[in-house]
Amino acid sequence: MNWPAVLALAAGTYLLRLSGIVLRDRLHVPAKVERYLDLGATALLVALVATAALTDGTGFAGWARPAGVAVGALAAWRKVPFVLVVVLAAGATAGLRLLGAS
């Protein structure tokens, strides 16, 4: 393990998080830029979910996983308790794989 790299990344992460606390009252961002930052965070989250739902390693994950994610998203949108959202998504994925969907 490359300890200097790990320590440098840990220190950088700590300093980046600390800068948010220290600069909160000193740095004023215009409302338009703040809106773009919010949209950027949303786009990043959607991209991460799409990548995790649609790919497995280097290729397409098959249709069962995206269908399970869609069932989970629908359940979360309907404000179903989180544990049930996970169970429904996993059950839908498992059921489709049992029926032969990849």
N, C-alpha and C. Protein backbone atom coordinates (compact mmCIF):
# COMPACT_ATOMS: atom_id res chain seq x y z
N MET A 1 0.85 -1.18 0.00
CA MET A 1 0.00 0.00 0.00
C MET A 1 0.90 1.24 0.00
N ASN A 2 0.50 2.23 -0.73
CA ASN A 2 1.26 3.46 -0.86
C ASN A 2 0.80 4.45 0.21
N TRP A 3 1.42 4.39 1.39
CA TRP A 3 0.98 5.20 2.53
C TRP A 3 1.07 6.70 2.31
N PRO A 4 2.11 7.21 1.67
CA PRO A 4 2.12 8.66 1.44
C PRO A 4 0.93 9.14 0.61
N ALA A 5 0.52 8.36 -0.39
CA ALA A 5 -0.63 8.73 -1.21
C ALA A 5 -1.92 8.68 -0.38
N VAL A 6 -2.06 7.66 0.45
CA VAL A 6 -3.26 7.54 1.29
C VAL A 6 -3.33 8.70 2.27
N LEU A 7 -2.20 9.03 2.90
CA LEU A 7 -2.18 10.15 3.84
C LEU A 7 -2.44 11.49 3.16
N ALA A 8 -1.88 11.66 1.96
CA ALA A 8 -2.12 12.91 1.22
C ALA A 8 -3.59 13.05 0.84
N LEU A 9 -4.21 11.97 0.40
CA LEU A 9 -5.63 12.01 0.06
C LEU A 9 -6.49 12.25 1.29
N ALA A 10 -6.12 11.65 2.42
CA ALA A 10 -6.87 11.86 3.66
C ALA A 10 -6.77 13.31 4.10
N ALA A 11 -5.56 13.88 4.04
CA ALA A 11 -5.38 15.28 4.43
C ALA A 11 -6.13 16.21 3.48
N GLY A 12 -6.07 15.91 2.19
CA GLY A 12 -6.79 16.74 1.21
C GLY A 12 -8.29 16.70 1.43
N THR A 13 -8.83 15.52 1.71
CA THR A 13 -10.26 15.40 1.98
C THR A 13 -10.66 16.18 3.22
N TYR A 14 -9.85 16.06 4.28
CA TYR A 14 -10.13 16.77 5.51
C TYR A 14 -10.10 18.28 5.28
N LEU A 15 -9.07 18.77 4.59
CA LEU A 15 -8.95 20.21 4.33
C LEU A 15 -10.08 20.73 3.44
N LEU A 16 -10.51 19.92 2.48
CA LEU A 16 -11.61 20.33 1.61
C LEU A 16 -12.90 20.47 2.42
N ARG A 17 -13.15 19.53 3.30
CA ARG A 17 -14.35 19.61 4.13
C ARG A 17 -14.27 20.76 5.13
N LEU A 18 -13.08 20.97 5.69
CA LEU A 18 -12.88 22.06 6.63
C LEU A 18 -13.04 23.42 5.95
N SER A 19 -12.62 23.52 4.70
CA SER A 19 -12.76 24.80 3.98
C SER A 19 -14.22 25.19 3.81
N GLY A 20 -15.11 24.23 3.68
CA GLY A 20 -16.53 24.54 3.58
C GLY A 20 -17.05 25.19 4.84
N ILE A 21 -16.58 24.73 5.99
CA ILE A 21 -17.00 25.30 7.26
C ILE A 21 -16.39 26.68 7.46
N VAL A 22 -15.10 26.79 7.16
CA VAL A 22 -14.39 28.05 7.39
C VAL A 22 -14.86 29.15 6.44
N LEU A 23 -15.11 28.80 5.18
CA LEU A 23 -15.45 29.81 4.17
C LEU A 23 -16.95 30.06 4.04
N ARG A 24 -17.76 29.40 4.82
CA ARG A 24 -19.22 29.51 4.68
C ARG A 24 -19.70 30.96 4.75
N ASP A 25 -19.21 31.73 5.69
CA ASP A 25 -19.67 33.11 5.85
C ASP A 25 -18.84 34.11 5.05
N ARG A 26 -17.69 33.70 4.57
CA ARG A 26 -16.80 34.62 3.85
C ARG A 26 -17.02 34.61 2.35
N LEU A 27 -17.49 33.53 1.80
CA LEU A 27 -17.64 33.38 0.36
C LEU A 27 -19.12 33.45 0.01
N HIS A 28 -19.47 34.42 -0.80
CA HIS A 28 -20.87 34.58 -1.22
C HIS A 28 -21.00 34.23 -2.69
N VAL A 29 -21.85 33.27 -2.97
CA VAL A 29 -22.06 32.80 -4.34
C VAL A 29 -23.37 33.40 -4.84
N PRO A 30 -23.37 33.93 -6.07
CA PRO A 30 -24.62 34.46 -6.60
C PRO A 30 -25.69 33.38 -6.70
N ALA A 31 -26.94 33.80 -6.65
CA ALA A 31 -28.06 32.85 -6.66
C ALA A 31 -28.06 31.98 -7.91
N LYS A 32 -27.70 32.55 -9.04
CA LYS A 32 -27.68 31.79 -10.29
C LYS A 32 -26.61 30.68 -10.24
N VAL A 33 -25.45 31.00 -9.69
CA VAL A 33 -24.39 30.00 -9.57
C VAL A 33 -24.80 28.93 -8.56
N GLU A 34 -25.44 29.33 -7.48
CA GLU A 34 -25.92 28.37 -6.49
C GLU A 34 -26.93 27.40 -7.11
N ARG A 35 -27.78 27.91 -7.98
CA ARG A 35 -28.75 27.05 -8.68
C ARG A 35 -28.03 26.05 -9.57
N TYR A 36 -26.97 26.51 -10.28
CA TYR A 36 -26.20 25.60 -11.13
C TYR A 36 -25.48 24.54 -10.30
N LEU A 37 -25.01 24.90 -9.13
CA LEU A 37 -24.37 23.92 -8.25
C LEU A 37 -25.37 22.86 -7.80
N ASP A 38 -26.58 23.28 -7.48
CA ASP A 38 -27.63 22.32 -7.10
C ASP A 38 -27.95 21.38 -8.27
N LEU A 39 -28.07 21.95 -9.47
CA LEU A 39 -28.36 21.13 -10.64
C LEU A 39 -27.21 20.17 -10.94
N GLY A 40 -25.99 20.63 -10.73
CA GLY A 40 -24.83 19.78 -10.97
C GLY A 40 -24.79 18.60 -10.01
N ALA A 41 -25.13 18.84 -8.76
CA ALA A 41 -25.17 17.75 -7.78
C ALA A 41 -26.26 16.75 -8.15
N THR A 42 -27.40 17.24 -8.61
CA THR A 42 -28.48 16.35 -9.02
C THR A 42 -28.07 15.52 -10.23
N ALA A 43 -27.43 16.16 -11.20
CA ALA A 43 -26.98 15.44 -12.40
C ALA A 43 -25.94 14.37 -12.04
N LEU A 44 -25.06 14.69 -11.11
CA LEU A 44 -24.06 13.71 -10.69
C LEU A 44 -24.72 12.51 -10.02
N LEU A 45 -25.71 12.75 -9.18
CA LEU A 45 -26.42 11.66 -8.52
C LEU A 45 -27.15 10.78 -9.53
N VAL A 46 -27.81 11.40 -10.49
CA VAL A 46 -28.52 10.64 -11.54
C VAL A 46 -27.53 9.82 -12.36
N ALA A 47 -26.38 10.38 -12.68
CA ALA A 47 -25.37 9.64 -13.44
C ALA A 47 -24.85 8.44 -12.66
N LEU A 48 -24.65 8.61 -11.36
CA LEU A 48 -24.18 7.48 -10.54
C LEU A 48 -25.23 6.38 -10.47
N VAL A 49 -26.49 6.76 -10.30
CA VAL A 49 -27.56 5.76 -10.25
C VAL A 49 -27.68 5.04 -11.59
N ALA A 50 -27.63 5.79 -12.67
CA ALA A 50 -27.75 5.18 -14.00
C ALA A 50 -26.59 4.23 -14.27
N THR A 51 -25.39 4.62 -13.90
CA THR A 51 -24.23 3.76 -14.12
C THR A 51 -24.34 2.48 -13.29
N ALA A 52 -24.75 2.61 -12.04
CA ALA A 52 -24.88 1.44 -11.19
C ALA A 52 -26.03 0.54 -11.63
N ALA A 53 -27.09 1.13 -12.16
CA ALA A 53 -28.26 0.34 -12.54
C ALA A 53 -28.09 -0.34 -13.89
N LEU A 54 -27.34 0.28 -14.78
CA LEU A 54 -27.30 -0.23 -16.15
C LEU A 54 -26.05 -1.01 -16.51
N THR A 55 -24.98 -0.87 -15.75
CA THR A 55 -23.74 -1.55 -16.12
C THR A 55 -23.28 -2.50 -15.04
N ASP A 56 -22.56 -3.50 -15.49
CA ASP A 56 -21.96 -4.48 -14.59
C ASP A 56 -20.56 -4.77 -15.12
N GLY A 57 -19.57 -4.20 -14.50
CA GLY A 57 -18.21 -4.37 -15.00
C GLY A 57 -18.01 -3.52 -16.24
N THR A 58 -17.92 -4.17 -17.38
CA THR A 58 -17.65 -3.43 -18.63
C THR A 58 -18.83 -3.42 -19.58
N GLY A 59 -19.93 -4.07 -19.24
CA GLY A 59 -21.04 -4.16 -20.17
C GLY A 59 -22.39 -3.92 -19.53
N PHE A 60 -23.41 -4.15 -20.32
CA PHE A 60 -24.79 -3.97 -19.89
C PHE A 60 -25.14 -5.00 -18.84
N ALA A 61 -25.84 -4.59 -17.79
CA ALA A 61 -26.16 -5.47 -16.67
C ALA A 61 -27.34 -6.39 -16.95
N GLY A 62 -28.05 -6.18 -18.01
CA GLY A 62 -29.25 -6.96 -18.28
C GLY A 62 -30.48 -6.17 -17.88
N TRP A 63 -31.64 -6.73 -18.15
CA TRP A 63 -32.89 -5.99 -17.92
C TRP A 63 -33.43 -6.12 -16.51
N ALA A 64 -33.01 -7.13 -15.77
CA ALA A 64 -33.56 -7.36 -14.43
C ALA A 64 -33.15 -6.25 -13.45
N ARG A 65 -31.89 -5.85 -13.49
CA ARG A 65 -31.44 -4.82 -12.55
C ARG A 65 -32.10 -3.47 -12.79
N PRO A 66 -32.14 -2.94 -14.03
CA PRO A 66 -32.84 -1.66 -14.23
C PRO A 66 -34.32 -1.73 -13.87
N ALA A 67 -34.95 -2.88 -14.11
CA ALA A 67 -36.36 -3.03 -13.73
C ALA A 67 -36.51 -2.99 -12.21
N GLY A 68 -35.59 -3.62 -11.48
CA GLY A 68 -35.63 -3.57 -10.02
C GLY A 68 -35.42 -2.16 -9.50
N VAL A 69 -34.50 -1.42 -10.13
CA VAL A 69 -34.28 -0.02 -9.74
C VAL A 69 -35.53 0.81 -10.01
N ALA A 70 -36.19 0.55 -11.13
CA ALA A 70 -37.42 1.28 -11.45
C ALA A 70 -38.52 0.97 -10.43
N VAL A 71 -38.65 -0.28 -10.04
CA VAL A 71 -39.64 -0.65 -9.02
C VAL A 71 -39.31 0.05 -7.70
N GLY A 72 -38.04 0.06 -7.33
CA GLY A 72 -37.63 0.75 -6.11
C GLY A 72 -37.88 2.24 -6.17
N ALA A 73 -37.60 2.85 -7.33
CA ALA A 73 -37.84 4.29 -7.50
C ALA A 73 -39.33 4.60 -7.40
N LEU A 74 -40.15 3.77 -8.01
CA LEU A 74 -41.59 3.97 -7.94
C LEU A 74 -42.09 3.84 -6.50
N ALA A 75 -41.57 2.85 -5.79
CA ALA A 75 -41.98 2.67 -4.40
C ALA A 75 -41.52 3.85 -3.53
N ALA A 76 -40.31 4.35 -3.77
CA ALA A 76 -39.83 5.50 -3.01
C ALA A 76 -40.64 6.74 -3.34
N TRP A 77 -41.02 6.90 -4.60
CA TRP A 77 -41.84 8.03 -5.00
C TRP A 77 -43.20 7.98 -4.33
N ARG A 78 -43.72 6.78 -4.10
CA ARG A 78 -45.01 6.61 -3.43
C ARG A 78 -44.87 6.67 -1.91
N LYS A 79 -43.66 6.98 -1.43
CA LYS A 79 -43.37 7.16 -0.01
C LYS A 79 -43.57 5.88 0.81
N VAL A 80 -43.18 4.77 0.21
CA VAL A 80 -43.18 3.48 0.91
C VAL A 80 -41.99 3.49 1.87
N PRO A 81 -42.09 2.87 3.04
CA PRO A 81 -40.95 2.80 3.96
C PRO A 81 -39.71 2.22 3.27
N PHE A 82 -38.53 2.73 3.67
CA PHE A 82 -37.28 2.40 2.97
C PHE A 82 -37.00 0.90 2.93
N VAL A 83 -37.22 0.22 4.03
CA VAL A 83 -36.95 -1.22 4.06
C VAL A 83 -37.81 -1.94 3.02
N LEU A 84 -39.05 -1.53 2.89
CA LEU A 84 -39.93 -2.14 1.90
C LEU A 84 -39.50 -1.77 0.47
N VAL A 85 -38.97 -0.57 0.28
CA VAL A 85 -38.44 -0.17 -1.03
C VAL A 85 -37.33 -1.13 -1.45
N VAL A 86 -36.41 -1.40 -0.52
CA VAL A 86 -35.30 -2.29 -0.82
C VAL A 86 -35.80 -3.71 -1.11
N VAL A 87 -36.74 -4.18 -0.30
CA VAL A 87 -37.28 -5.53 -0.49
C VAL A 87 -38.02 -5.63 -1.82
N LEU A 88 -38.80 -4.62 -2.18
CA LEU A 88 -39.51 -4.65 -3.46
C LEU A 88 -38.55 -4.63 -4.64
N ALA A 89 -37.53 -3.78 -4.57
CA ALA A 89 -36.56 -3.71 -5.67
C ALA A 89 -35.80 -5.02 -5.82
N ALA A 90 -35.33 -5.57 -4.69
CA ALA A 90 -34.61 -6.84 -4.74
C ALA A 90 -35.51 -7.96 -5.20
N GLY A 91 -36.75 -7.96 -4.74
CA GLY A 91 -37.70 -9.00 -5.15
C GLY A 91 -38.03 -8.94 -6.63
N ALA A 92 -38.20 -7.73 -7.14
CA ALA A 92 -38.48 -7.59 -8.57
C ALA A 92 -37.29 -8.08 -9.40
N THR A 93 -36.08 -7.71 -8.98
CA THR A 93 -34.88 -8.15 -9.71
C THR A 93 -34.75 -9.67 -9.63
N ALA A 94 -34.91 -10.23 -8.44
CA ALA A 94 -34.79 -11.68 -8.28
C ALA A 94 -35.87 -12.42 -9.06
N GLY A 95 -37.09 -11.89 -9.03
CA GLY A 95 -38.18 -12.54 -9.76
C GLY A 95 -37.93 -12.54 -11.26
N LEU A 96 -37.45 -11.42 -11.79
CA LEU A 96 -37.15 -11.38 -13.23
C LEU A 96 -36.00 -12.31 -13.60
N ARG A 97 -35.01 -12.40 -12.73
CA ARG A 97 -33.89 -13.33 -13.01
C ARG A 97 -34.36 -14.76 -12.92
N LEU A 98 -35.29 -15.05 -12.00
CA LEU A 98 -35.84 -16.39 -11.89
C LEU A 98 -36.62 -16.76 -13.16
N LEU A 99 -37.26 -15.77 -13.76
CA LEU A 99 -38.02 -16.02 -14.99
C LEU A 99 -37.14 -16.06 -16.24
N GLY A 100 -35.83 -15.80 -16.04
CA GLY A 100 -34.91 -15.93 -17.17
C GLY A 100 -34.37 -14.63 -17.72
N ALA A 101 -34.81 -13.50 -17.19
CA ALA A 101 -34.25 -12.24 -17.65
C ALA A 101 -32.84 -12.11 -17.08
N SER A 102 -31.94 -11.59 -17.88
CA SER A 102 -30.54 -11.50 -17.40
C SER A 102 -30.30 -10.28 -16.57
